[in-house]
Amino acid sequence: MIKILVIVSFAVLLFIPTFTFADKVVRDRNGTLVETWHDNNGRTDVRDKNGTLKETRTYRNGTVDVRDKSGSLIGTERRTGH
């Protein structure tokens, strides 16, 4: 019984980073890749289907600063739900 518990615990520890740091992928109705989102320490990089940076989102105190690829502020959003 302890051996099974150790194996399950080890498997869970291996898969936590996979789910926590996984990229978010946006696809259209036909399954074609549209963009990817990658989270890194409160910052999210949004890239197009070719991997080119589209925008950067930075989370602070319940708001999200959205900046274009050159770093210019596009807008600020309120973060809700999470």
N, C-alpha and C. Protein backbone atom coordinates (compact mmCIF):
# COMPACT_ATOMS: atom_id res chain seq x y z
N MET A 1 0.82 -1.20 0.00
CA MET A 1 0.00 0.00 0.00
C MET A 1 0.87 1.26 0.00
N ILE A 2 1.91 1.27 0.78
CA ILE A 2 2.80 2.43 0.83
C ILE A 2 3.51 2.62 -0.51
N LYS A 3 3.86 1.51 -1.14
CA LYS A 3 4.53 1.59 -2.44
C LYS A 3 3.62 2.26 -3.47
N ILE A 4 2.34 1.95 -3.48
CA ILE A 4 1.40 2.57 -4.41
C ILE A 4 1.25 4.06 -4.10
N LEU A 5 1.17 4.39 -2.82
CA LEU A 5 1.06 5.79 -2.42
C LEU A 5 2.28 6.59 -2.86
N VAL A 6 3.46 6.02 -2.73
CA VAL A 6 4.69 6.70 -3.15
C VAL A 6 4.70 6.89 -4.66
N ILE A 7 4.28 5.89 -5.40
CA ILE A 7 4.25 5.99 -6.87
C ILE A 7 3.26 7.05 -7.32
N VAL A 8 2.08 7.07 -6.73
CA VAL A 8 1.07 8.07 -7.09
C VAL A 8 1.55 9.47 -6.73
N SER A 9 2.14 9.63 -5.56
CA SER A 9 2.66 10.93 -5.15
C SER A 9 3.74 11.42 -6.09
N PHE A 10 4.62 10.54 -6.48
CA PHE A 10 5.69 10.89 -7.41
C PHE A 10 5.12 11.30 -8.76
N ALA A 11 4.12 10.58 -9.25
CA ALA A 11 3.50 10.91 -10.53
C ALA A 11 2.83 12.28 -10.48
N VAL A 12 2.15 12.58 -9.39
CA VAL A 12 1.50 13.89 -9.25
C VAL A 12 2.55 15.00 -9.25
N LEU A 13 3.64 14.81 -8.55
CA LEU A 13 4.70 15.82 -8.53
C LEU A 13 5.32 16.04 -9.90
N LEU A 14 5.39 15.00 -10.70
CA LEU A 14 5.94 15.15 -12.04
C LEU A 14 5.01 15.93 -12.96
N PHE A 15 3.70 15.76 -12.78
CA PHE A 15 2.75 16.39 -13.69
C PHE A 15 2.32 17.79 -13.27
N ILE A 16 2.57 18.22 -12.06
CA ILE A 16 2.18 19.57 -11.63
C ILE A 16 2.85 20.64 -12.50
N PRO A 17 4.15 20.60 -12.75
CA PRO A 17 4.73 21.63 -13.62
C PRO A 17 4.17 21.61 -15.03
N THR A 18 3.79 20.44 -15.51
CA THR A 18 3.22 20.33 -16.85
C THR A 18 1.94 21.15 -16.96
N PHE A 19 1.08 21.06 -15.97
CA PHE A 19 -0.17 21.80 -16.01
C PHE A 19 0.01 23.25 -15.61
N THR A 20 0.91 23.54 -14.70
CA THR A 20 1.09 24.89 -14.20
C THR A 20 1.74 25.79 -15.23
N PHE A 21 2.74 25.32 -15.94
CA PHE A 21 3.50 26.16 -16.85
C PHE A 21 3.20 25.87 -18.32
N ALA A 22 2.13 25.14 -18.58
CA ALA A 22 1.81 24.79 -19.95
C ALA A 22 1.35 26.02 -20.72
N ASP A 23 1.67 26.07 -22.00
CA ASP A 23 1.20 27.13 -22.87
C ASP A 23 -0.28 26.96 -23.13
N LYS A 24 -0.97 28.07 -23.29
CA LYS A 24 -2.35 28.04 -23.71
C LYS A 24 -2.35 28.20 -25.22
N VAL A 25 -3.11 27.38 -25.89
CA VAL A 25 -3.14 27.40 -27.34
C VAL A 25 -4.53 27.77 -27.80
N VAL A 26 -4.63 28.73 -28.73
CA VAL A 26 -5.91 29.14 -29.29
C VAL A 26 -5.96 28.64 -30.72
N ARG A 27 -7.02 27.90 -31.02
CA ARG A 27 -7.21 27.36 -32.38
C ARG A 27 -8.55 27.83 -32.92
N ASP A 28 -8.65 27.92 -34.24
CA ASP A 28 -9.93 28.29 -34.82
C ASP A 28 -10.82 27.06 -34.95
N ARG A 29 -11.98 27.25 -35.53
CA ARG A 29 -12.97 26.17 -35.65
C ARG A 29 -12.43 24.94 -36.38
N ASN A 30 -11.50 25.12 -37.28
CA ASN A 30 -10.93 24.01 -38.06
C ASN A 30 -9.72 23.37 -37.40
N GLY A 31 -9.33 23.88 -36.24
CA GLY A 31 -8.18 23.32 -35.53
C GLY A 31 -6.86 23.95 -35.90
N THR A 32 -6.90 25.01 -36.70
CA THR A 32 -5.68 25.70 -37.11
C THR A 32 -5.20 26.60 -35.97
N LEU A 33 -3.91 26.55 -35.69
CA LEU A 33 -3.32 27.36 -34.63
C LEU A 33 -3.48 28.85 -34.94
N VAL A 34 -4.01 29.61 -33.97
CA VAL A 34 -4.20 31.05 -34.13
C VAL A 34 -3.15 31.80 -33.31
N GLU A 35 -3.02 31.45 -32.03
CA GLU A 35 -2.02 32.09 -31.18
C GLU A 35 -1.73 31.21 -29.98
N THR A 36 -0.60 31.50 -29.32
CA THR A 36 -0.23 30.79 -28.10
C THR A 36 -0.01 31.80 -26.98
N TRP A 37 -0.32 31.38 -25.77
CA TRP A 37 -0.11 32.20 -24.57
C TRP A 37 0.85 31.46 -23.67
N HIS A 38 1.89 32.14 -23.18
CA HIS A 38 2.84 31.52 -22.27
C HIS A 38 2.99 32.39 -21.03
N ASP A 39 2.67 31.82 -19.86
CA ASP A 39 2.75 32.54 -18.59
C ASP A 39 4.13 32.40 -17.98
N ASN A 40 4.61 33.51 -17.39
CA ASN A 40 5.91 33.51 -16.73
C ASN A 40 5.93 34.59 -15.65
N ASN A 41 5.75 34.19 -14.39
CA ASN A 41 5.85 35.11 -13.24
C ASN A 41 4.98 36.35 -13.37
N GLY A 42 3.68 36.17 -13.63
CA GLY A 42 2.77 37.31 -13.70
C GLY A 42 2.78 38.03 -15.03
N ARG A 43 3.51 37.52 -15.97
CA ARG A 43 3.57 38.11 -17.31
C ARG A 43 3.17 37.04 -18.32
N THR A 44 2.35 37.43 -19.27
CA THR A 44 1.92 36.50 -20.31
C THR A 44 2.32 37.05 -21.66
N ASP A 45 3.05 36.25 -22.44
CA ASP A 45 3.41 36.62 -23.81
C ASP A 45 2.41 35.97 -24.75
N VAL A 46 1.81 36.77 -25.62
CA VAL A 46 0.87 36.28 -26.62
C VAL A 46 1.58 36.32 -27.97
N ARG A 47 1.66 35.16 -28.62
CA ARG A 47 2.37 35.06 -29.90
C ARG A 47 1.42 34.56 -30.98
N ASP A 48 1.67 34.99 -32.21
CA ASP A 48 0.84 34.53 -33.31
C ASP A 48 1.24 33.13 -33.74
N LYS A 49 0.62 32.62 -34.79
CA LYS A 49 0.87 31.23 -35.20
C LYS A 49 2.30 31.00 -35.67
N ASN A 50 3.03 32.06 -36.03
CA ASN A 50 4.42 31.94 -36.47
C ASN A 50 5.42 32.13 -35.33
N GLY A 51 4.89 32.40 -34.12
CA GLY A 51 5.77 32.59 -32.97
C GLY A 51 6.21 34.02 -32.75
N THR A 52 5.68 34.95 -33.54
CA THR A 52 6.02 36.36 -33.40
C THR A 52 5.22 36.97 -32.25
N LEU A 53 5.89 37.74 -31.40
CA LEU A 53 5.23 38.37 -30.26
C LEU A 53 4.18 39.37 -30.74
N LYS A 54 2.94 39.18 -30.24
CA LYS A 54 1.85 40.10 -30.56
C LYS A 54 1.65 41.12 -29.45
N GLU A 55 1.59 40.63 -28.21
CA GLU A 55 1.38 41.52 -27.07
C GLU A 55 1.87 40.85 -25.80
N THR A 56 2.05 41.66 -24.77
CA THR A 56 2.47 41.19 -23.46
C THR A 56 1.46 41.67 -22.44
N ARG A 57 1.06 40.79 -21.53
CA ARG A 57 0.11 41.12 -20.48
C ARG A 57 0.81 40.95 -19.14
N THR A 58 0.75 41.99 -18.30
CA THR A 58 1.37 41.96 -16.98
C THR A 58 0.28 42.13 -15.93
N TYR A 59 0.23 41.19 -14.97
CA TYR A 59 -0.79 41.19 -13.93
C TYR A 59 -0.26 41.89 -12.68
N ARG A 60 -1.03 42.89 -12.18
CA ARG A 60 -0.68 43.60 -10.95
C ARG A 60 -1.94 44.03 -10.23
N ASN A 61 -2.06 43.66 -8.98
CA ASN A 61 -3.13 44.14 -8.10
C ASN A 61 -4.52 44.12 -8.74
N GLY A 62 -4.88 43.03 -9.39
CA GLY A 62 -6.21 42.89 -9.96
C GLY A 62 -6.40 43.54 -11.31
N THR A 63 -5.34 44.12 -11.89
CA THR A 63 -5.45 44.70 -13.22
C THR A 63 -4.42 44.05 -14.15
N VAL A 64 -4.67 44.19 -15.44
CA VAL A 64 -3.78 43.65 -16.46
C VAL A 64 -3.37 44.79 -17.38
N ASP A 65 -2.07 45.05 -17.46
CA ASP A 65 -1.55 46.02 -18.43
C ASP A 65 -1.26 45.27 -19.72
N VAL A 66 -1.87 45.71 -20.82
CA VAL A 66 -1.67 45.07 -22.12
C VAL A 66 -0.79 45.98 -22.96
N ARG A 67 0.34 45.43 -23.43
CA ARG A 67 1.29 46.21 -24.23
C ARG A 67 1.52 45.52 -25.57
N ASP A 68 1.75 46.32 -26.60
CA ASP A 68 2.03 45.74 -27.91
C ASP A 68 3.47 45.22 -27.96
N LYS A 69 3.86 44.70 -29.10
CA LYS A 69 5.19 44.08 -29.19
C LYS A 69 6.34 45.06 -29.01
N SER A 70 6.08 46.37 -29.19
CA SER A 70 7.15 47.35 -28.97
C SER A 70 7.15 47.89 -27.55
N GLY A 71 6.18 47.45 -26.72
CA GLY A 71 6.14 47.86 -25.33
C GLY A 71 5.20 49.01 -25.03
N SER A 72 4.53 49.54 -26.05
CA SER A 72 3.58 50.64 -25.84
C SER A 72 2.31 50.11 -25.20
N LEU A 73 1.78 50.86 -24.25
CA LEU A 73 0.57 50.46 -23.55
C LEU A 73 -0.63 50.53 -24.48
N ILE A 74 -1.33 49.40 -24.63
CA ILE A 74 -2.55 49.34 -25.44
C ILE A 74 -3.74 49.67 -24.56
N GLY A 75 -3.75 49.11 -23.35
CA GLY A 75 -4.87 49.35 -22.44
C GLY A 75 -4.68 48.63 -21.13
N THR A 76 -5.60 48.88 -20.23
CA THR A 76 -5.59 48.23 -18.92
C THR A 76 -6.93 47.55 -18.73
N GLU A 77 -6.89 46.31 -18.25
CA GLU A 77 -8.11 45.53 -18.04
C GLU A 77 -8.20 45.15 -16.57
N ARG A 78 -9.40 44.99 -16.08
CA ARG A 78 -9.61 44.46 -14.74
C ARG A 78 -9.60 42.96 -14.81
N ARG A 79 -8.92 42.34 -13.90
CA ARG A 79 -8.86 40.88 -13.85
C ARG A 79 -10.00 40.40 -12.96
N THR A 80 -10.85 39.56 -13.50
CA THR A 80 -11.99 39.05 -12.74
C THR A 80 -11.99 37.54 -12.74
N GLY A 81 -12.60 36.97 -11.71
CA GLY A 81 -12.83 35.54 -11.68
C GLY A 81 -11.73 34.70 -11.11
N HIS A 82 -10.49 35.01 -11.33
CA HIS A 82 -9.40 34.14 -10.87
C HIS A 82 -8.82 34.73 -9.65
